[in-house]
Every structure is written in C-alpha cells, then in structure tokens.
Amino acid sequence: MKKSDNFFDKVYQVARLIPYGRVTSYGAIAKYLGAAKSARMVGWAMNSSSNQKEEVPAHRVVNKKGLLTGKHHFDGTNLMQQLLENEGIVVIDNQIQDLETVFWNPMEELNSNFKF
C-alpha cells in the first residue's frame, strides 16, 4: 500500500480494509490515523469517495451509534442500507443492530505497525 500525506487518501486506504459484513465509525478511522478529533473530516472524505478510481466501501462507515448518517450521499433513498443488508448487516430505522458484533475497530484489527 502506498504511503500518502493526504488525510483523505489515508481515510480511503483504511476504509478499503473494512471487511465485508463489518462496519466501522468515522471516529474509529480518525483515531486510528492519529487524528481523534477529526471524525467530521472522515465524514467529508466519505462524502467525496465516489470520485476515487479504486472503490471505497463508504457504506461500511457509520456514526459511533451505528446510525446511517451518510445515507443521503448515496444514490437512491435506501442504497446505503441495501448495500449493508446485502452483506448480512441488519438495519432498523437507519440504525445498525448488534453494532458491537459487526463493528470493526482498526485500532484492534490492524497491526500497530501498519500505519499510513
């Protein structure tokens, strides 16, 4: 994986590592990248991710409570939810159910030497 100084590029690199059927939060990505107070910037990166050459699974990034806060940035009214449900994630009233079971924490899941 190439090293980048661009924060958005780093966000995209981490998001591409989120496994199928799992989700993470804006804050978890920010914390992993050493910018714990930059969850909103991670959200902005996700909103801009459709312009990337390599696909970014932005549907797998939600807020810390499991709410689909970025859903209005997807084409169609329920595309984000549909993509998550296609991966086996249960969503009720725009919130992921059993978040603690499907949550992927990059601080725990990625080797601490695997920094961008």
N, C-alpha and C. Protein backbone atom coordinates (compact mmCIF):
# COMPACT_ATOMS: atom_id res chain seq x y z
N MET A 1 0.85 -1.17 0.00
CA MET A 1 0.00 0.00 0.00
C MET A 1 0.89 1.24 0.00
N LYS A 2 0.56 2.18 -0.85
CA LYS A 2 1.41 3.37 -0.94
C LYS A 2 1.19 4.32 0.23
N LYS A 3 2.24 4.98 0.61
CA LYS A 3 2.18 5.94 1.71
C LYS A 3 1.71 7.28 1.15
N SER A 4 0.84 7.95 1.87
CA SER A 4 0.31 9.23 1.43
C SER A 4 0.30 10.21 2.59
N ASP A 5 0.49 11.48 2.26
CA ASP A 5 0.39 12.53 3.27
C ASP A 5 -1.01 13.14 3.29
N ASN A 6 -1.82 12.82 2.30
CA ASN A 6 -3.16 13.39 2.18
C ASN A 6 -4.11 12.65 3.13
N PHE A 7 -4.75 13.39 4.03
CA PHE A 7 -5.64 12.77 5.02
C PHE A 7 -6.76 11.97 4.35
N PHE A 8 -7.41 12.53 3.33
CA PHE A 8 -8.49 11.80 2.66
C PHE A 8 -7.97 10.49 2.08
N ASP A 9 -6.79 10.50 1.48
CA ASP A 9 -6.23 9.26 0.91
C ASP A 9 -6.01 8.22 2.01
N LYS A 10 -5.54 8.66 3.16
CA LYS A 10 -5.35 7.75 4.28
C LYS A 10 -6.68 7.16 4.74
N VAL A 11 -7.71 8.00 4.79
CA VAL A 11 -9.05 7.53 5.17
C VAL A 11 -9.52 6.47 4.18
N TYR A 12 -9.33 6.72 2.89
CA TYR A 12 -9.76 5.76 1.87
C TYR A 12 -9.01 4.44 2.01
N GLN A 13 -7.71 4.51 2.32
CA GLN A 13 -6.93 3.29 2.48
C GLN A 13 -7.45 2.46 3.64
N VAL A 14 -7.78 3.09 4.75
CA VAL A 14 -8.32 2.36 5.90
C VAL A 14 -9.70 1.81 5.55
N ALA A 15 -10.56 2.62 4.94
CA ALA A 15 -11.92 2.17 4.60
C ALA A 15 -11.89 0.95 3.68
N ARG A 16 -10.92 0.89 2.78
CA ARG A 16 -10.83 -0.26 1.87
C ARG A 16 -10.47 -1.55 2.60
N LEU A 17 -10.00 -1.44 3.83
CA LEU A 17 -9.64 -2.62 4.62
C LEU A 17 -10.80 -3.15 5.47
N ILE A 18 -11.90 -2.42 5.53
CA ILE A 18 -13.05 -2.88 6.32
C ILE A 18 -13.60 -4.15 5.67
N PRO A 19 -13.64 -5.24 6.39
CA PRO A 19 -14.12 -6.49 5.79
C PRO A 19 -15.61 -6.46 5.42
N TYR A 20 -15.93 -7.25 4.43
CA TYR A 20 -17.31 -7.48 4.02
C TYR A 20 -18.11 -7.92 5.25
N GLY A 21 -19.29 -7.34 5.45
CA GLY A 21 -20.14 -7.73 6.57
C GLY A 21 -19.78 -7.07 7.89
N ARG A 22 -18.88 -6.10 7.85
CA ARG A 22 -18.46 -5.39 9.07
C ARG A 22 -18.59 -3.89 8.81
N VAL A 23 -18.62 -3.11 9.86
CA VAL A 23 -18.68 -1.65 9.75
C VAL A 23 -17.72 -1.03 10.76
N THR A 24 -17.40 0.22 10.53
CA THR A 24 -16.62 0.99 11.49
C THR A 24 -17.23 2.38 11.57
N SER A 25 -16.65 3.21 12.42
CA SER A 25 -17.19 4.57 12.58
C SER A 25 -16.20 5.61 12.07
N TYR A 26 -16.73 6.78 11.81
CA TYR A 26 -15.89 7.91 11.39
C TYR A 26 -14.80 8.14 12.44
N GLY A 27 -15.21 8.13 13.71
CA GLY A 27 -14.28 8.38 14.80
C GLY A 27 -13.21 7.32 14.94
N ALA A 28 -13.56 6.05 14.69
CA ALA A 28 -12.58 4.97 14.80
C ALA A 28 -11.50 5.12 13.74
N ILE A 29 -11.89 5.52 12.54
CA ILE A 29 -10.89 5.75 11.48
C ILE A 29 -10.01 6.94 11.86
N ALA A 30 -10.63 8.02 12.33
CA ALA A 30 -9.87 9.22 12.71
C ALA A 30 -8.87 8.88 13.81
N LYS A 31 -9.32 8.15 14.81
CA LYS A 31 -8.44 7.78 15.93
C LYS A 31 -7.28 6.93 15.44
N TYR A 32 -7.56 5.97 14.58
CA TYR A 32 -6.51 5.12 14.03
C TYR A 32 -5.45 5.94 13.30
N LEU A 33 -5.91 6.97 12.60
CA LEU A 33 -4.98 7.81 11.83
C LEU A 33 -4.29 8.87 12.69
N GLY A 34 -4.53 8.83 14.00
CA GLY A 34 -3.86 9.75 14.91
C GLY A 34 -4.49 11.13 14.94
N ALA A 35 -5.75 11.21 14.52
CA ALA A 35 -6.47 12.49 14.49
C ALA A 35 -7.83 12.30 15.13
N ALA A 36 -7.84 11.91 16.40
CA ALA A 36 -9.05 11.50 17.10
C ALA A 36 -10.19 12.51 17.03
N LYS A 37 -9.89 13.78 16.90
CA LYS A 37 -10.95 14.80 16.86
C LYS A 37 -11.39 15.13 15.44
N SER A 38 -11.02 14.29 14.48
CA SER A 38 -11.30 14.58 13.07
C SER A 38 -12.36 13.67 12.45
N ALA A 39 -13.29 13.18 13.27
CA ALA A 39 -14.34 12.30 12.75
C ALA A 39 -15.12 12.99 11.63
N ARG A 40 -15.38 14.28 11.79
CA ARG A 40 -16.13 15.01 10.76
C ARG A 40 -15.35 15.05 9.44
N MET A 41 -14.04 15.18 9.51
CA MET A 41 -13.23 15.16 8.28
C MET A 41 -13.29 13.80 7.61
N VAL A 42 -13.36 12.75 8.40
CA VAL A 42 -13.52 11.40 7.83
C VAL A 42 -14.86 11.35 7.09
N GLY A 43 -15.90 11.95 7.68
CA GLY A 43 -17.20 12.01 7.01
C GLY A 43 -17.11 12.76 5.68
N TRP A 44 -16.38 13.85 5.68
CA TRP A 44 -16.22 14.61 4.43
C TRP A 44 -15.50 13.77 3.38
N ALA A 45 -14.51 13.01 3.83
CA ALA A 45 -13.79 12.13 2.91
C ALA A 45 -14.74 11.08 2.33
N MET A 46 -15.58 10.50 3.19
CA MET A 46 -16.54 9.50 2.70
C MET A 46 -17.50 10.12 1.69
N ASN A 47 -17.92 11.36 1.95
CA ASN A 47 -18.83 12.04 1.02
C ASN A 47 -18.20 12.25 -0.34
N SER A 48 -16.88 12.39 -0.38
CA SER A 48 -16.16 12.64 -1.63
C SER A 48 -15.60 11.36 -2.25
N SER A 49 -15.83 10.23 -1.64
CA SER A 49 -15.16 9.00 -2.06
C SER A 49 -15.61 8.47 -3.43
N SER A 50 -16.74 8.91 -3.92
CA SER A 50 -17.22 8.39 -5.21
C SER A 50 -16.34 8.82 -6.37
N ASN A 51 -15.47 9.83 -6.18
CA ASN A 51 -14.58 10.28 -7.26
C ASN A 51 -13.30 9.45 -7.33
N GLN A 52 -13.12 8.49 -6.45
CA GLN A 52 -11.89 7.71 -6.42
C GLN A 52 -11.88 6.66 -7.52
N LYS A 53 -10.69 6.43 -8.09
CA LYS A 53 -10.55 5.40 -9.14
C LYS A 53 -10.81 4.02 -8.55
N GLU A 54 -10.21 3.77 -7.38
CA GLU A 54 -10.41 2.49 -6.69
C GLU A 54 -11.58 2.64 -5.73
N GLU A 55 -12.52 1.71 -5.80
CA GLU A 55 -13.74 1.80 -5.00
C GLU A 55 -13.45 1.91 -3.50
N VAL A 56 -14.25 2.74 -2.83
CA VAL A 56 -14.17 2.91 -1.38
C VAL A 56 -15.52 2.46 -0.81
N PRO A 57 -15.54 1.46 0.09
CA PRO A 57 -16.81 0.98 0.64
C PRO A 57 -17.35 1.93 1.71
N ALA A 58 -17.74 3.12 1.28
CA ALA A 58 -18.20 4.16 2.22
C ALA A 58 -19.45 3.73 2.99
N HIS A 59 -20.21 2.79 2.44
CA HIS A 59 -21.42 2.32 3.14
C HIS A 59 -21.08 1.61 4.44
N ARG A 60 -19.83 1.19 4.61
CA ARG A 60 -19.41 0.48 5.82
C ARG A 60 -18.94 1.42 6.92
N VAL A 61 -19.07 2.73 6.71
CA VAL A 61 -18.65 3.71 7.71
C VAL A 61 -19.89 4.45 8.21
N VAL A 62 -20.13 4.35 9.51
CA VAL A 62 -21.34 4.91 10.13
C VAL A 62 -20.93 5.75 11.34
N ASN A 63 -21.90 6.35 12.01
CA ASN A 63 -21.53 7.11 13.20
C ASN A 63 -21.33 6.15 14.38
N LYS A 64 -20.87 6.68 15.51
CA LYS A 64 -20.50 5.83 16.65
C LYS A 64 -21.67 5.06 17.25
N LYS A 65 -22.90 5.47 16.95
CA LYS A 65 -24.08 4.77 17.45
C LYS A 65 -24.64 3.80 16.41
N GLY A 66 -23.97 3.71 15.26
CA GLY A 66 -24.42 2.81 14.21
C GLY A 66 -25.48 3.40 13.31
N LEU A 67 -25.67 4.70 13.40
CA LEU A 67 -26.66 5.37 12.54
C LEU A 67 -26.09 5.61 11.15
N LEU A 68 -26.93 5.47 10.14
CA LEU A 68 -26.53 5.67 8.75
C LEU A 68 -26.58 7.16 8.42
N THR A 69 -25.73 7.93 9.07
CA THR A 69 -25.77 9.38 8.93
C THR A 69 -25.34 9.86 7.54
N GLY A 70 -24.60 9.03 6.80
CA GLY A 70 -24.16 9.43 5.46
C GLY A 70 -25.06 8.96 4.35
N LYS A 71 -26.22 8.40 4.69
CA LYS A 71 -27.06 7.76 3.66
C LYS A 71 -27.54 8.71 2.57
N HIS A 72 -27.69 10.00 2.89
CA HIS A 72 -28.19 10.93 1.87
C HIS A 72 -27.14 11.25 0.81
N HIS A 73 -25.91 10.75 0.97
CA HIS A 73 -24.87 10.95 -0.03
C HIS A 73 -24.82 9.80 -1.04
N PHE A 74 -25.69 8.83 -0.89
CA PHE A 74 -25.76 7.71 -1.81
C PHE A 74 -26.91 7.92 -2.78
N ASP A 75 -26.73 7.42 -4.01
CA ASP A 75 -27.83 7.48 -4.98
C ASP A 75 -28.97 6.62 -4.47
N GLY A 76 -30.18 7.07 -4.66
CA GLY A 76 -31.34 6.32 -4.19
C GLY A 76 -31.58 6.56 -2.72
N THR A 77 -32.79 6.39 -2.29
CA THR A 77 -33.14 6.72 -0.91
C THR A 77 -32.60 5.73 0.12
N ASN A 78 -32.46 4.47 -0.25
CA ASN A 78 -32.03 3.46 0.73
C ASN A 78 -30.81 2.67 0.28
N LEU A 79 -30.00 3.21 -0.63
CA LEU A 79 -28.88 2.44 -1.17
C LEU A 79 -27.89 2.02 -0.10
N MET A 80 -27.54 2.91 0.81
CA MET A 80 -26.58 2.56 1.86
C MET A 80 -27.10 1.39 2.68
N GLN A 81 -28.36 1.46 3.07
CA GLN A 81 -28.97 0.37 3.84
C GLN A 81 -28.99 -0.92 3.04
N GLN A 82 -29.35 -0.83 1.76
CA GLN A 82 -29.40 -2.02 0.92
C GLN A 82 -28.03 -2.68 0.79
N LEU A 83 -27.00 -1.87 0.61
CA LEU A 83 -25.64 -2.41 0.49
C LEU A 83 -25.24 -3.13 1.78
N LEU A 84 -25.56 -2.54 2.92
CA LEU A 84 -25.24 -3.18 4.20
C LEU A 84 -26.04 -4.47 4.39
N GLU A 85 -27.32 -4.42 4.07
CA GLU A 85 -28.17 -5.61 4.22
C GLU A 85 -27.71 -6.73 3.29
N ASN A 86 -27.21 -6.37 2.10
CA ASN A 86 -26.68 -7.38 1.18
C ASN A 86 -25.47 -8.09 1.77
N GLU A 87 -24.81 -7.44 2.74
CA GLU A 87 -23.65 -8.04 3.41
C GLU A 87 -24.05 -8.74 4.71
N GLY A 88 -25.36 -8.82 4.98
CA GLY A 88 -25.84 -9.53 6.16
C GLY A 88 -26.00 -8.67 7.40
N ILE A 89 -25.85 -7.37 7.25
CA ILE A 89 -25.99 -6.46 8.40
C ILE A 89 -27.45 -6.04 8.53
N VAL A 90 -27.99 -6.15 9.73
CA VAL A 90 -29.39 -5.81 9.98
C VAL A 90 -29.48 -4.32 10.32
N VAL A 91 -30.36 -3.61 9.59
CA VAL A 91 -30.57 -2.18 9.80
C VAL A 91 -32.05 -1.96 10.06
N ILE A 92 -32.38 -1.32 11.17
CA ILE A 92 -33.76 -0.98 11.51
C ILE A 92 -33.79 0.50 11.87
N ASP A 93 -34.70 1.23 11.23
CA ASP A 93 -34.83 2.68 11.48
C ASP A 93 -33.49 3.40 11.34
N ASN A 94 -32.78 3.10 10.24
CA ASN A 94 -31.50 3.74 9.91
C ASN A 94 -30.40 3.49 10.93
N GLN A 95 -30.54 2.41 11.72
CA GLN A 95 -29.51 2.10 12.71
C GLN A 95 -29.12 0.63 12.61
N ILE A 96 -27.82 0.38 12.64
CA ILE A 96 -27.31 -0.99 12.61
C ILE A 96 -27.63 -1.67 13.92
N GLN A 97 -28.17 -2.87 13.82
CA GLN A 97 -28.48 -3.67 15.00
C GLN A 97 -27.26 -4.51 15.36
N ASP A 98 -27.07 -4.80 16.62
CA ASP A 98 -25.93 -5.59 17.09
C ASP A 98 -24.61 -4.97 16.64
N LEU A 99 -24.51 -3.64 16.79
CA LEU A 99 -23.32 -2.93 16.34
C LEU A 99 -22.04 -3.52 16.92
N GLU A 100 -22.07 -3.87 18.20
CA GLU A 100 -20.85 -4.39 18.82
C GLU A 100 -20.38 -5.69 18.18
N THR A 101 -21.29 -6.44 17.56
CA THR A 101 -20.93 -7.70 16.91
C THR A 101 -20.28 -7.46 15.54
N VAL A 102 -20.78 -6.48 14.78
CA VAL A 102 -20.29 -6.25 13.42
C VAL A 102 -19.26 -5.11 13.35
N PHE A 103 -18.98 -4.48 14.50
CA PHE A 103 -18.07 -3.34 14.50
C PHE A 103 -16.63 -3.79 14.28
N TRP A 104 -15.94 -3.12 13.37
CA TRP A 104 -14.53 -3.38 13.05
C TRP A 104 -13.73 -2.19 13.54
N ASN A 105 -12.87 -2.42 14.52
CA ASN A 105 -12.08 -1.34 15.09
C ASN A 105 -10.66 -1.43 14.53
N PRO A 106 -10.28 -0.47 13.67
CA PRO A 106 -8.94 -0.54 13.07
C PRO A 106 -7.81 -0.53 14.10
N MET A 107 -8.04 0.08 15.27
CA MET A 107 -7.00 0.10 16.31
C MET A 107 -6.71 -1.32 16.82
N GLU A 108 -7.73 -2.17 16.82
CA GLU A 108 -7.57 -3.55 17.30
C GLU A 108 -7.28 -4.52 16.17
N GLU A 109 -7.86 -4.27 15.01
CA GLU A 109 -7.80 -5.23 13.91
C GLU A 109 -6.55 -5.10 13.04
N LEU A 110 -6.00 -3.89 12.96
CA LEU A 110 -4.83 -3.69 12.12
C LEU A 110 -3.57 -3.70 12.98
N ASN A 111 -2.54 -4.28 12.46
CA ASN A 111 -1.26 -4.33 13.14
C ASN A 111 -0.82 -2.89 13.45
N SER A 112 -0.34 -2.64 14.62
CA SER A 112 0.06 -1.29 15.01
C SER A 112 1.20 -0.77 14.14
N ASN A 113 1.92 -1.65 13.48
CA ASN A 113 3.00 -1.22 12.56
C ASN A 113 2.45 -0.86 11.19
N PHE A 114 1.19 -1.12 10.96
CA PHE A 114 0.56 -0.91 9.65
C PHE A 114 -0.03 0.49 9.62
N LYS A 115 0.82 1.48 9.56
CA LYS A 115 0.38 2.88 9.57
C LYS A 115 0.52 3.46 8.18
N PHE A 116 -0.29 4.47 7.93
CA PHE A 116 -0.30 5.12 6.61
C PHE A 116 0.47 6.42 6.63
